[in-house]
N, C-alpha and C. Protein backbone atom coordinates (compact mmCIF):
# COMPACT_ATOMS: atom_id res chain seq x y z
N UNK A 1 -33.55 -16.25 -16.76
CA UNK A 1 -34.78 -15.49 -16.73
C UNK A 1 -34.42 -14.01 -16.79
N UNK A 2 -35.08 -13.27 -17.65
CA UNK A 2 -34.94 -11.81 -17.72
C UNK A 2 -35.92 -11.19 -16.74
N UNK A 3 -35.39 -10.53 -15.73
CA UNK A 3 -36.22 -9.93 -14.69
C UNK A 3 -36.22 -8.42 -14.86
N UNK A 4 -37.36 -7.88 -15.26
CA UNK A 4 -37.48 -6.44 -15.40
C UNK A 4 -37.87 -5.86 -14.05
N UNK A 5 -37.06 -4.93 -13.58
CA UNK A 5 -37.32 -4.28 -12.30
C UNK A 5 -37.53 -2.79 -12.55
N UNK A 6 -38.65 -2.30 -12.06
CA UNK A 6 -38.96 -0.88 -12.09
C UNK A 6 -38.67 -0.35 -10.69
N UNK A 7 -37.88 0.74 -10.60
CA UNK A 7 -37.52 1.27 -9.29
C UNK A 7 -36.99 2.68 -9.42
N UNK A 8 -36.77 3.29 -8.28
CA UNK A 8 -36.39 4.69 -8.24
C UNK A 8 -34.94 4.98 -8.56
N UNK A 9 -34.72 6.18 -9.10
CA UNK A 9 -33.38 6.69 -9.34
C UNK A 9 -32.86 7.41 -8.10
N UNK A 10 -33.70 7.50 -7.07
CA UNK A 10 -33.28 8.03 -5.77
C UNK A 10 -33.15 6.87 -4.79
N UNK A 11 -32.49 7.11 -3.68
CA UNK A 11 -32.33 6.07 -2.67
C UNK A 11 -33.53 5.95 -1.74
N UNK A 12 -34.33 7.01 -1.65
CA UNK A 12 -35.40 7.01 -0.66
C UNK A 12 -34.82 7.35 0.71
N UNK A 13 -35.69 7.59 1.66
CA UNK A 13 -35.26 8.02 2.99
C UNK A 13 -34.99 6.88 3.96
N UNK A 14 -35.49 5.69 3.67
CA UNK A 14 -35.33 4.55 4.57
C UNK A 14 -34.19 3.67 4.08
N UNK A 15 -33.19 3.42 4.92
CA UNK A 15 -32.05 2.58 4.56
C UNK A 15 -32.46 1.15 4.20
N UNK A 16 -33.66 0.75 4.63
CA UNK A 16 -34.15 -0.59 4.31
C UNK A 16 -34.26 -0.78 2.80
N UNK A 17 -34.59 0.28 2.06
CA UNK A 17 -34.70 0.16 0.60
C UNK A 17 -33.36 -0.23 -0.01
N UNK A 18 -32.29 0.40 0.43
CA UNK A 18 -30.97 0.09 -0.09
C UNK A 18 -30.57 -1.34 0.28
N UNK A 19 -30.82 -1.73 1.51
CA UNK A 19 -30.48 -3.09 1.93
C UNK A 19 -31.24 -4.12 1.10
N UNK A 20 -32.52 -3.89 0.89
CA UNK A 20 -33.35 -4.85 0.17
C UNK A 20 -33.04 -4.88 -1.33
N UNK A 21 -32.70 -3.72 -1.91
CA UNK A 21 -32.38 -3.71 -3.34
C UNK A 21 -31.06 -4.45 -3.58
N UNK A 22 -30.14 -4.36 -2.63
CA UNK A 22 -28.89 -5.13 -2.75
C UNK A 22 -29.17 -6.63 -2.64
N UNK A 23 -30.07 -7.02 -1.74
CA UNK A 23 -30.44 -8.43 -1.62
C UNK A 23 -31.11 -8.93 -2.91
N UNK A 24 -31.94 -8.10 -3.50
CA UNK A 24 -32.57 -8.47 -4.77
C UNK A 24 -31.51 -8.66 -5.85
N UNK A 25 -30.57 -7.73 -5.92
CA UNK A 25 -29.50 -7.83 -6.91
C UNK A 25 -28.63 -9.05 -6.71
N UNK A 26 -28.36 -9.39 -5.45
CA UNK A 26 -27.57 -10.59 -5.16
C UNK A 26 -28.28 -11.83 -5.67
N UNK A 27 -29.58 -11.93 -5.41
CA UNK A 27 -30.36 -13.08 -5.86
C UNK A 27 -30.34 -13.18 -7.38
N UNK A 28 -30.61 -12.06 -8.07
CA UNK A 28 -30.63 -12.07 -9.53
C UNK A 28 -29.27 -12.52 -10.07
N UNK A 29 -28.20 -11.96 -9.55
CA UNK A 29 -26.86 -12.30 -10.02
C UNK A 29 -26.46 -13.73 -9.73
N UNK A 30 -26.66 -14.17 -8.49
CA UNK A 30 -26.24 -15.52 -8.09
C UNK A 30 -27.02 -16.60 -8.81
N UNK A 31 -28.28 -16.33 -9.17
CA UNK A 31 -29.08 -17.32 -9.88
C UNK A 31 -28.79 -17.31 -11.39
N UNK A 32 -27.96 -16.37 -11.83
CA UNK A 32 -27.63 -16.30 -13.24
C UNK A 32 -28.71 -15.67 -14.10
N UNK A 33 -29.58 -14.92 -13.47
CA UNK A 33 -30.63 -14.21 -14.21
C UNK A 33 -30.06 -12.93 -14.80
N UNK A 34 -30.81 -12.32 -15.69
CA UNK A 34 -30.44 -11.04 -16.28
C UNK A 34 -31.41 -9.97 -15.78
N UNK A 35 -30.84 -8.87 -15.33
CA UNK A 35 -31.64 -7.71 -14.92
C UNK A 35 -31.91 -6.84 -16.14
N UNK A 36 -33.17 -6.46 -16.30
CA UNK A 36 -33.59 -5.45 -17.27
C UNK A 36 -34.09 -4.28 -16.42
N UNK A 37 -33.53 -3.10 -16.64
CA UNK A 37 -33.93 -1.96 -15.82
C UNK A 37 -33.66 -0.67 -16.58
N UNK A 38 -33.90 0.46 -15.95
CA UNK A 38 -33.82 1.75 -16.59
C UNK A 38 -32.45 2.30 -16.91
N UNK A 39 -31.39 1.60 -16.57
CA UNK A 39 -30.05 1.97 -17.00
C UNK A 39 -29.31 3.01 -16.19
N UNK A 40 -29.88 3.43 -15.06
CA UNK A 40 -29.23 4.48 -14.26
C UNK A 40 -28.11 3.96 -13.38
N UNK A 41 -27.20 4.88 -13.03
CA UNK A 41 -26.08 4.53 -12.14
C UNK A 41 -26.27 5.09 -10.74
N UNK A 42 -27.34 5.85 -10.53
CA UNK A 42 -27.55 6.50 -9.23
C UNK A 42 -28.76 5.90 -8.52
N UNK A 43 -28.88 6.19 -7.25
CA UNK A 43 -30.02 5.76 -6.47
C UNK A 43 -30.16 4.25 -6.39
N UNK A 44 -31.40 3.81 -6.20
CA UNK A 44 -31.68 2.38 -6.11
C UNK A 44 -31.34 1.68 -7.42
N UNK A 45 -31.54 2.38 -8.54
CA UNK A 45 -31.20 1.78 -9.84
C UNK A 45 -29.74 1.36 -9.89
N UNK A 46 -28.85 2.27 -9.55
CA UNK A 46 -27.43 1.97 -9.59
C UNK A 46 -27.03 0.89 -8.60
N UNK A 47 -27.61 0.94 -7.40
CA UNK A 47 -27.29 -0.07 -6.38
C UNK A 47 -27.73 -1.46 -6.83
N UNK A 48 -28.88 -1.55 -7.48
CA UNK A 48 -29.37 -2.84 -7.98
C UNK A 48 -28.45 -3.38 -9.07
N UNK A 49 -28.15 -2.56 -10.05
CA UNK A 49 -27.28 -2.99 -11.15
C UNK A 49 -25.92 -3.42 -10.62
N UNK A 50 -25.35 -2.65 -9.71
CA UNK A 50 -24.04 -3.00 -9.14
C UNK A 50 -24.10 -4.35 -8.43
N UNK A 51 -25.16 -4.58 -7.65
CA UNK A 51 -25.28 -5.84 -6.91
C UNK A 51 -25.42 -7.03 -7.86
N UNK A 52 -26.17 -6.87 -8.94
CA UNK A 52 -26.31 -7.96 -9.92
C UNK A 52 -24.95 -8.26 -10.54
N UNK A 53 -24.27 -7.23 -10.99
CA UNK A 53 -22.97 -7.41 -11.63
C UNK A 53 -21.94 -8.02 -10.68
N UNK A 54 -21.91 -7.55 -9.44
CA UNK A 54 -20.96 -8.06 -8.44
C UNK A 54 -21.19 -9.53 -8.12
N UNK A 55 -22.40 -10.01 -8.40
CA UNK A 55 -22.75 -11.39 -8.09
C UNK A 55 -22.86 -12.27 -9.33
N UNK A 56 -22.23 -11.83 -10.43
CA UNK A 56 -22.11 -12.66 -11.62
C UNK A 56 -23.25 -12.61 -12.61
N UNK A 57 -24.21 -11.72 -12.39
CA UNK A 57 -25.34 -11.61 -13.31
C UNK A 57 -25.05 -10.65 -14.45
N UNK A 58 -25.95 -10.66 -15.41
CA UNK A 58 -25.86 -9.73 -16.53
C UNK A 58 -26.94 -8.67 -16.39
N UNK A 59 -26.64 -7.48 -16.92
CA UNK A 59 -27.54 -6.34 -16.76
C UNK A 59 -27.73 -5.63 -18.09
N UNK A 60 -29.00 -5.47 -18.48
CA UNK A 60 -29.35 -4.68 -19.65
C UNK A 60 -30.05 -3.41 -19.17
N UNK A 61 -29.49 -2.27 -19.53
CA UNK A 61 -30.11 -0.99 -19.22
C UNK A 61 -30.83 -0.46 -20.44
N UNK A 62 -31.99 0.11 -20.23
CA UNK A 62 -32.77 0.70 -21.31
C UNK A 62 -32.92 2.19 -20.98
N UNK A 63 -32.31 3.03 -21.81
CA UNK A 63 -32.19 4.45 -21.47
C UNK A 63 -32.71 5.32 -22.62
N UNK A 64 -33.59 6.28 -22.32
CA UNK A 64 -33.96 7.25 -23.34
C UNK A 64 -32.77 8.15 -23.66
N UNK A 65 -32.61 8.51 -24.91
CA UNK A 65 -31.46 9.30 -25.35
C UNK A 65 -31.29 10.60 -24.57
N UNK A 66 -32.38 11.24 -24.20
CA UNK A 66 -32.24 12.52 -23.51
C UNK A 66 -31.66 12.35 -22.10
N UNK A 67 -31.73 11.14 -21.52
CA UNK A 67 -31.07 10.89 -20.25
C UNK A 67 -29.56 10.83 -20.40
N UNK A 68 -29.11 10.46 -21.59
CA UNK A 68 -27.67 10.35 -21.82
C UNK A 68 -26.98 11.70 -21.66
N UNK A 69 -27.69 12.77 -21.95
CA UNK A 69 -27.13 14.12 -21.80
C UNK A 69 -26.92 14.50 -20.33
N UNK A 70 -27.60 13.80 -19.43
CA UNK A 70 -27.49 14.09 -18.00
C UNK A 70 -26.30 13.38 -17.36
N UNK A 71 -25.78 12.37 -18.02
CA UNK A 71 -24.65 11.63 -17.49
C UNK A 71 -25.01 10.72 -16.33
N UNK A 72 -26.26 10.31 -16.23
CA UNK A 72 -26.69 9.45 -15.12
C UNK A 72 -26.75 7.97 -15.51
N UNK A 73 -26.38 7.65 -16.75
CA UNK A 73 -26.45 6.25 -17.17
C UNK A 73 -25.28 5.46 -16.59
N UNK A 74 -25.51 4.19 -16.38
CA UNK A 74 -24.49 3.28 -15.83
C UNK A 74 -23.56 2.86 -16.96
N UNK A 75 -22.27 3.05 -16.79
CA UNK A 75 -21.30 2.77 -17.86
C UNK A 75 -20.81 1.32 -17.87
N UNK A 76 -21.06 0.55 -16.80
CA UNK A 76 -20.49 -0.78 -16.70
C UNK A 76 -21.44 -1.93 -16.96
N UNK A 77 -22.49 -1.69 -17.73
CA UNK A 77 -23.51 -2.72 -17.95
C UNK A 77 -23.09 -3.72 -19.03
N UNK A 78 -23.73 -4.85 -19.00
CA UNK A 78 -23.53 -5.87 -20.03
C UNK A 78 -24.02 -5.36 -21.38
N UNK A 79 -25.14 -4.66 -21.36
CA UNK A 79 -25.75 -4.15 -22.58
C UNK A 79 -26.51 -2.87 -22.26
N UNK A 80 -26.45 -1.90 -23.20
CA UNK A 80 -27.21 -0.66 -23.06
C UNK A 80 -28.05 -0.50 -24.33
N UNK A 81 -29.35 -0.34 -24.15
CA UNK A 81 -30.26 -0.11 -25.26
C UNK A 81 -30.76 1.32 -25.15
N UNK A 82 -30.64 2.08 -26.24
CA UNK A 82 -31.10 3.46 -26.25
C UNK A 82 -32.46 3.53 -26.94
N UNK A 83 -33.34 4.35 -26.37
CA UNK A 83 -34.65 4.59 -26.96
C UNK A 83 -34.83 6.10 -27.15
N UNK A 84 -35.80 6.46 -27.98
CA UNK A 84 -36.05 7.87 -28.23
C UNK A 84 -36.85 8.52 -27.11
N UNK A 85 -37.76 7.76 -26.50
CA UNK A 85 -38.66 8.34 -25.50
C UNK A 85 -38.80 7.45 -24.28
N UNK A 86 -39.39 8.01 -23.24
CA UNK A 86 -39.70 7.25 -22.03
C UNK A 86 -40.70 6.14 -22.36
N UNK A 87 -41.67 6.43 -23.19
CA UNK A 87 -42.67 5.41 -23.57
C UNK A 87 -42.02 4.23 -24.27
N UNK A 88 -41.08 4.52 -25.18
CA UNK A 88 -40.37 3.44 -25.86
C UNK A 88 -39.52 2.65 -24.88
N UNK A 89 -38.94 3.33 -23.92
CA UNK A 89 -38.14 2.67 -22.89
C UNK A 89 -39.01 1.67 -22.13
N UNK A 90 -40.17 2.13 -21.66
CA UNK A 90 -41.08 1.26 -20.91
C UNK A 90 -41.50 0.06 -21.76
N UNK A 91 -41.86 0.31 -23.02
CA UNK A 91 -42.27 -0.78 -23.91
C UNK A 91 -41.15 -1.80 -24.10
N UNK A 92 -39.92 -1.33 -24.26
CA UNK A 92 -38.78 -2.23 -24.46
C UNK A 92 -38.52 -3.05 -23.20
N UNK A 93 -38.60 -2.40 -22.03
CA UNK A 93 -38.39 -3.12 -20.78
C UNK A 93 -39.44 -4.20 -20.58
N UNK A 94 -40.67 -3.91 -20.96
CA UNK A 94 -41.75 -4.89 -20.85
C UNK A 94 -41.53 -6.02 -21.86
N UNK A 95 -41.16 -5.66 -23.07
CA UNK A 95 -40.91 -6.66 -24.11
C UNK A 95 -39.81 -7.64 -23.70
N UNK A 96 -38.74 -7.14 -23.09
CA UNK A 96 -37.59 -7.97 -22.74
C UNK A 96 -37.81 -8.83 -21.49
N UNK A 97 -38.74 -8.45 -20.64
CA UNK A 97 -38.91 -9.14 -19.36
C UNK A 97 -39.67 -10.45 -19.46
N UNK A 98 -39.21 -11.43 -18.68
CA UNK A 98 -39.94 -12.68 -18.49
C UNK A 98 -40.84 -12.58 -17.26
N UNK A 99 -40.55 -11.61 -16.40
CA UNK A 99 -41.34 -11.33 -15.22
C UNK A 99 -41.03 -9.90 -14.79
N UNK A 100 -41.83 -9.38 -13.86
CA UNK A 100 -41.71 -7.96 -13.50
C UNK A 100 -41.76 -7.79 -11.99
N UNK A 101 -40.90 -6.89 -11.52
CA UNK A 101 -40.89 -6.50 -10.12
C UNK A 101 -40.98 -4.99 -10.05
N UNK A 102 -41.87 -4.50 -9.20
CA UNK A 102 -41.89 -3.08 -8.87
C UNK A 102 -41.28 -2.94 -7.49
N UNK A 103 -40.15 -2.27 -7.42
CA UNK A 103 -39.50 -1.94 -6.17
C UNK A 103 -39.97 -0.53 -5.82
N UNK A 104 -39.85 -0.07 -4.58
CA UNK A 104 -40.23 1.30 -4.29
C UNK A 104 -39.56 2.31 -5.24
N UNK A 105 -40.31 3.30 -5.62
CA UNK A 105 -39.83 4.33 -6.53
C UNK A 105 -40.84 5.46 -6.62
N UNK A 106 -40.68 6.29 -7.63
CA UNK A 106 -41.53 7.46 -7.79
C UNK A 106 -42.60 7.28 -8.85
N UNK A 107 -42.96 8.39 -9.47
CA UNK A 107 -44.06 8.37 -10.44
C UNK A 107 -43.73 7.54 -11.69
N UNK A 108 -42.45 7.52 -12.08
CA UNK A 108 -42.07 6.70 -13.23
C UNK A 108 -42.27 5.22 -12.94
N UNK A 109 -41.89 4.80 -11.75
CA UNK A 109 -42.09 3.41 -11.33
C UNK A 109 -43.57 3.07 -11.32
N UNK A 110 -44.38 3.97 -10.79
CA UNK A 110 -45.82 3.76 -10.74
C UNK A 110 -46.41 3.64 -12.14
N UNK A 111 -45.96 4.50 -13.05
CA UNK A 111 -46.45 4.44 -14.43
C UNK A 111 -46.09 3.11 -15.07
N UNK A 112 -44.85 2.68 -14.87
CA UNK A 112 -44.37 1.45 -15.50
C UNK A 112 -45.13 0.23 -15.00
N UNK A 113 -45.27 0.10 -13.68
CA UNK A 113 -45.95 -1.09 -13.16
C UNK A 113 -47.44 -1.03 -13.44
N UNK A 114 -48.01 0.17 -13.50
CA UNK A 114 -49.43 0.29 -13.86
C UNK A 114 -49.67 -0.22 -15.28
N UNK A 115 -48.74 0.07 -16.17
CA UNK A 115 -48.85 -0.41 -17.55
C UNK A 115 -48.85 -1.94 -17.57
N UNK A 116 -47.94 -2.55 -16.82
CA UNK A 116 -47.87 -4.02 -16.78
C UNK A 116 -49.16 -4.61 -16.19
N UNK A 117 -49.64 -4.02 -15.10
CA UNK A 117 -50.88 -4.51 -14.49
C UNK A 117 -52.04 -4.40 -15.49
N UNK A 118 -52.11 -3.31 -16.22
CA UNK A 118 -53.16 -3.15 -17.24
C UNK A 118 -53.02 -4.19 -18.33
N UNK A 119 -51.79 -4.46 -18.76
CA UNK A 119 -51.58 -5.46 -19.80
C UNK A 119 -52.00 -6.85 -19.31
N UNK A 120 -51.76 -7.15 -18.05
CA UNK A 120 -52.22 -8.43 -17.50
C UNK A 120 -53.74 -8.50 -17.50
N UNK A 121 -54.37 -7.42 -17.10
CA UNK A 121 -55.84 -7.36 -17.08
C UNK A 121 -56.42 -7.58 -18.47
N UNK A 122 -55.78 -7.00 -19.46
CA UNK A 122 -56.26 -7.09 -20.84
C UNK A 122 -55.84 -8.39 -21.54
N UNK A 123 -55.09 -9.22 -20.84
CA UNK A 123 -54.65 -10.48 -21.43
C UNK A 123 -53.51 -10.34 -22.42
N UNK A 124 -52.81 -9.20 -22.39
CA UNK A 124 -51.69 -8.97 -23.31
C UNK A 124 -50.40 -9.61 -22.82
N UNK A 125 -50.37 -10.00 -21.53
CA UNK A 125 -49.23 -10.74 -20.99
C UNK A 125 -49.72 -11.66 -19.89
N UNK A 126 -49.03 -12.78 -19.75
CA UNK A 126 -49.31 -13.72 -18.66
C UNK A 126 -48.11 -13.81 -17.72
N UNK A 127 -47.13 -12.97 -17.96
CA UNK A 127 -45.89 -13.00 -17.18
C UNK A 127 -46.17 -12.55 -15.75
N UNK A 128 -45.48 -13.17 -14.77
CA UNK A 128 -45.73 -12.83 -13.37
C UNK A 128 -45.29 -11.40 -13.00
N UNK A 129 -46.07 -10.82 -12.09
CA UNK A 129 -45.84 -9.46 -11.61
C UNK A 129 -45.82 -9.46 -10.09
N UNK A 130 -44.76 -8.92 -9.51
CA UNK A 130 -44.66 -8.80 -8.05
C UNK A 130 -44.32 -7.36 -7.68
N UNK A 131 -45.03 -6.83 -6.71
CA UNK A 131 -44.72 -5.52 -6.16
C UNK A 131 -44.05 -5.76 -4.81
N UNK A 132 -42.84 -5.25 -4.66
CA UNK A 132 -42.12 -5.43 -3.40
C UNK A 132 -42.59 -4.38 -2.41
N UNK A 133 -43.39 -4.83 -1.49
CA UNK A 133 -44.07 -3.98 -0.53
C UNK A 133 -43.19 -3.73 0.69
N UNK A 134 -41.95 -3.29 0.44
CA UNK A 134 -40.97 -3.04 1.51
C UNK A 134 -41.51 -1.95 2.45
N UNK A 135 -41.52 -2.26 3.74
CA UNK A 135 -41.99 -1.31 4.75
C UNK A 135 -43.40 -0.79 4.44
N UNK A 136 -44.22 -1.62 3.77
CA UNK A 136 -45.60 -1.23 3.45
C UNK A 136 -45.72 -0.21 2.33
N UNK A 137 -44.66 -0.04 1.54
CA UNK A 137 -44.63 1.00 0.51
C UNK A 137 -45.84 0.93 -0.43
N UNK A 138 -46.21 -0.26 -0.85
CA UNK A 138 -47.30 -0.40 -1.83
C UNK A 138 -48.66 -0.65 -1.19
N UNK A 139 -48.78 -0.51 0.12
CA UNK A 139 -50.08 -0.69 0.77
C UNK A 139 -51.14 0.28 0.23
N UNK A 140 -50.83 1.56 0.02
CA UNK A 140 -51.85 2.45 -0.53
C UNK A 140 -52.31 2.04 -1.93
N UNK A 141 -51.39 1.56 -2.77
CA UNK A 141 -51.78 1.09 -4.10
C UNK A 141 -52.63 -0.16 -3.99
N UNK A 142 -52.26 -1.05 -3.10
CA UNK A 142 -53.05 -2.27 -2.89
C UNK A 142 -54.46 -1.90 -2.43
N UNK A 143 -54.57 -0.94 -1.54
CA UNK A 143 -55.88 -0.48 -1.08
C UNK A 143 -56.68 0.15 -2.22
N UNK A 144 -56.00 0.90 -3.08
CA UNK A 144 -56.69 1.51 -4.23
C UNK A 144 -57.21 0.44 -5.18
N UNK A 145 -56.41 -0.57 -5.44
CA UNK A 145 -56.85 -1.66 -6.32
C UNK A 145 -58.02 -2.42 -5.69
N UNK A 146 -57.98 -2.61 -4.38
CA UNK A 146 -59.11 -3.24 -3.67
C UNK A 146 -60.37 -2.39 -3.82
N UNK A 147 -60.21 -1.07 -3.72
CA UNK A 147 -61.35 -0.15 -3.90
C UNK A 147 -61.92 -0.27 -5.30
N UNK A 148 -61.05 -0.44 -6.31
CA UNK A 148 -61.51 -0.63 -7.68
C UNK A 148 -62.35 -1.90 -7.80
N UNK A 149 -61.95 -2.95 -7.08
CA UNK A 149 -62.73 -4.19 -7.08
C UNK A 149 -64.08 -3.93 -6.41
N UNK A 150 -64.05 -3.30 -5.23
CA UNK A 150 -65.29 -3.02 -4.49
C UNK A 150 -66.28 -2.20 -5.30
N UNK A 151 -65.77 -1.27 -6.11
CA UNK A 151 -66.63 -0.36 -6.87
C UNK A 151 -66.95 -0.88 -8.28
N UNK A 152 -66.48 -2.09 -8.60
CA UNK A 152 -66.84 -2.69 -9.88
C UNK A 152 -66.00 -2.24 -11.07
N UNK A 153 -64.82 -1.67 -10.82
CA UNK A 153 -63.95 -1.24 -11.92
C UNK A 153 -62.86 -2.24 -12.25
N UNK A 154 -62.68 -3.23 -11.39
CA UNK A 154 -61.64 -4.24 -11.57
C UNK A 154 -62.17 -5.55 -11.02
N UNK A 155 -61.97 -6.61 -11.77
CA UNK A 155 -62.40 -7.93 -11.30
C UNK A 155 -61.39 -8.48 -10.30
N UNK A 156 -61.90 -9.20 -9.33
CA UNK A 156 -61.03 -9.84 -8.33
C UNK A 156 -60.00 -10.74 -9.01
N UNK A 157 -60.40 -11.45 -10.06
CA UNK A 157 -59.46 -12.35 -10.75
C UNK A 157 -58.29 -11.57 -11.35
N UNK A 158 -58.55 -10.36 -11.81
CA UNK A 158 -57.46 -9.53 -12.35
C UNK A 158 -56.55 -9.03 -11.24
N UNK A 159 -57.12 -8.64 -10.12
CA UNK A 159 -56.30 -8.21 -8.99
C UNK A 159 -55.44 -9.36 -8.48
N UNK A 160 -55.98 -10.57 -8.50
CA UNK A 160 -55.23 -11.73 -8.02
C UNK A 160 -54.06 -12.09 -8.92
N UNK A 161 -53.94 -11.47 -10.08
CA UNK A 161 -52.81 -11.69 -10.98
C UNK A 161 -51.59 -10.87 -10.57
N UNK A 162 -51.74 -10.04 -9.55
CA UNK A 162 -50.67 -9.17 -9.06
C UNK A 162 -50.30 -9.64 -7.66
N UNK A 163 -49.02 -9.91 -7.44
CA UNK A 163 -48.56 -10.42 -6.15
C UNK A 163 -47.87 -9.31 -5.36
N UNK A 164 -48.33 -9.08 -4.16
CA UNK A 164 -47.71 -8.11 -3.26
C UNK A 164 -46.81 -8.88 -2.30
N UNK A 165 -45.51 -8.70 -2.45
CA UNK A 165 -44.52 -9.42 -1.65
C UNK A 165 -43.97 -8.49 -0.58
N UNK A 166 -43.94 -8.95 0.67
CA UNK A 166 -43.41 -8.13 1.75
C UNK A 166 -41.91 -8.26 1.91
N UNK A 167 -41.32 -9.27 1.27
CA UNK A 167 -39.88 -9.48 1.36
C UNK A 167 -39.32 -9.86 -0.01
N UNK A 168 -38.04 -9.67 -0.17
CA UNK A 168 -37.37 -10.08 -1.40
C UNK A 168 -37.51 -11.59 -1.57
N UNK A 169 -37.37 -12.34 -0.49
CA UNK A 169 -37.48 -13.80 -0.56
C UNK A 169 -38.85 -14.24 -1.06
N UNK A 170 -39.89 -13.56 -0.62
CA UNK A 170 -41.24 -13.88 -1.05
C UNK A 170 -41.41 -13.61 -2.55
N UNK A 171 -40.86 -12.51 -3.01
CA UNK A 171 -40.92 -12.20 -4.45
C UNK A 171 -40.14 -13.23 -5.25
N UNK A 172 -38.97 -13.62 -4.75
CA UNK A 172 -38.16 -14.64 -5.42
C UNK A 172 -38.94 -15.93 -5.58
N UNK A 173 -39.56 -16.38 -4.48
CA UNK A 173 -40.34 -17.61 -4.51
C UNK A 173 -41.45 -17.50 -5.55
N UNK A 174 -42.17 -16.40 -5.51
CA UNK A 174 -43.30 -16.22 -6.43
C UNK A 174 -42.85 -16.27 -7.88
N UNK A 175 -41.78 -15.56 -8.20
CA UNK A 175 -41.32 -15.51 -9.59
C UNK A 175 -40.77 -16.86 -10.05
N UNK A 176 -40.04 -17.55 -9.19
CA UNK A 176 -39.51 -18.86 -9.55
C UNK A 176 -40.65 -19.86 -9.76
N UNK A 177 -41.64 -19.81 -8.91
CA UNK A 177 -42.76 -20.75 -8.95
C UNK A 177 -43.68 -20.48 -10.15
N UNK A 178 -43.80 -19.24 -10.57
CA UNK A 178 -44.77 -18.86 -11.61
C UNK A 178 -44.18 -18.60 -12.98
N UNK A 179 -42.92 -18.94 -13.18
CA UNK A 179 -42.35 -18.65 -14.49
C UNK A 179 -42.67 -19.70 -15.52
């Protein structure tokens, strides 16, 4: 299974993020899945890729060319795909994924998972989507989506297509069960 993970290039302030991203990487690697991600070697991105590789998994990084000038790309990946823009990167990551996980991250992570959620709503994909709600990280987004339902901007059936997982194990179960 190709698992596309959207996540931060920073570590975040809570050590729980690093612990959980390593657990996610261990699961992906040990199960023989392939990680599709943004191709970075730093922050949570790098920790995830390293954990997958250390546990026997394969990793495909998708990197916009202008990031290559920064020297932040991971050099030890199974495969590196270069794109011209961030938008092309996101599209390629979505195209390659059999399922999607949003791990805590910044505005790029939010943009990427929002695109997937919109595609599910529009019927452009039926692939499973899980947001890893580590330490309640995605509670505000979940509340916003609930508000959209309450105000008539989003159907409950569309919101129910998005799974909010409080643990890596819960996300694993959901993705395995819904693939």
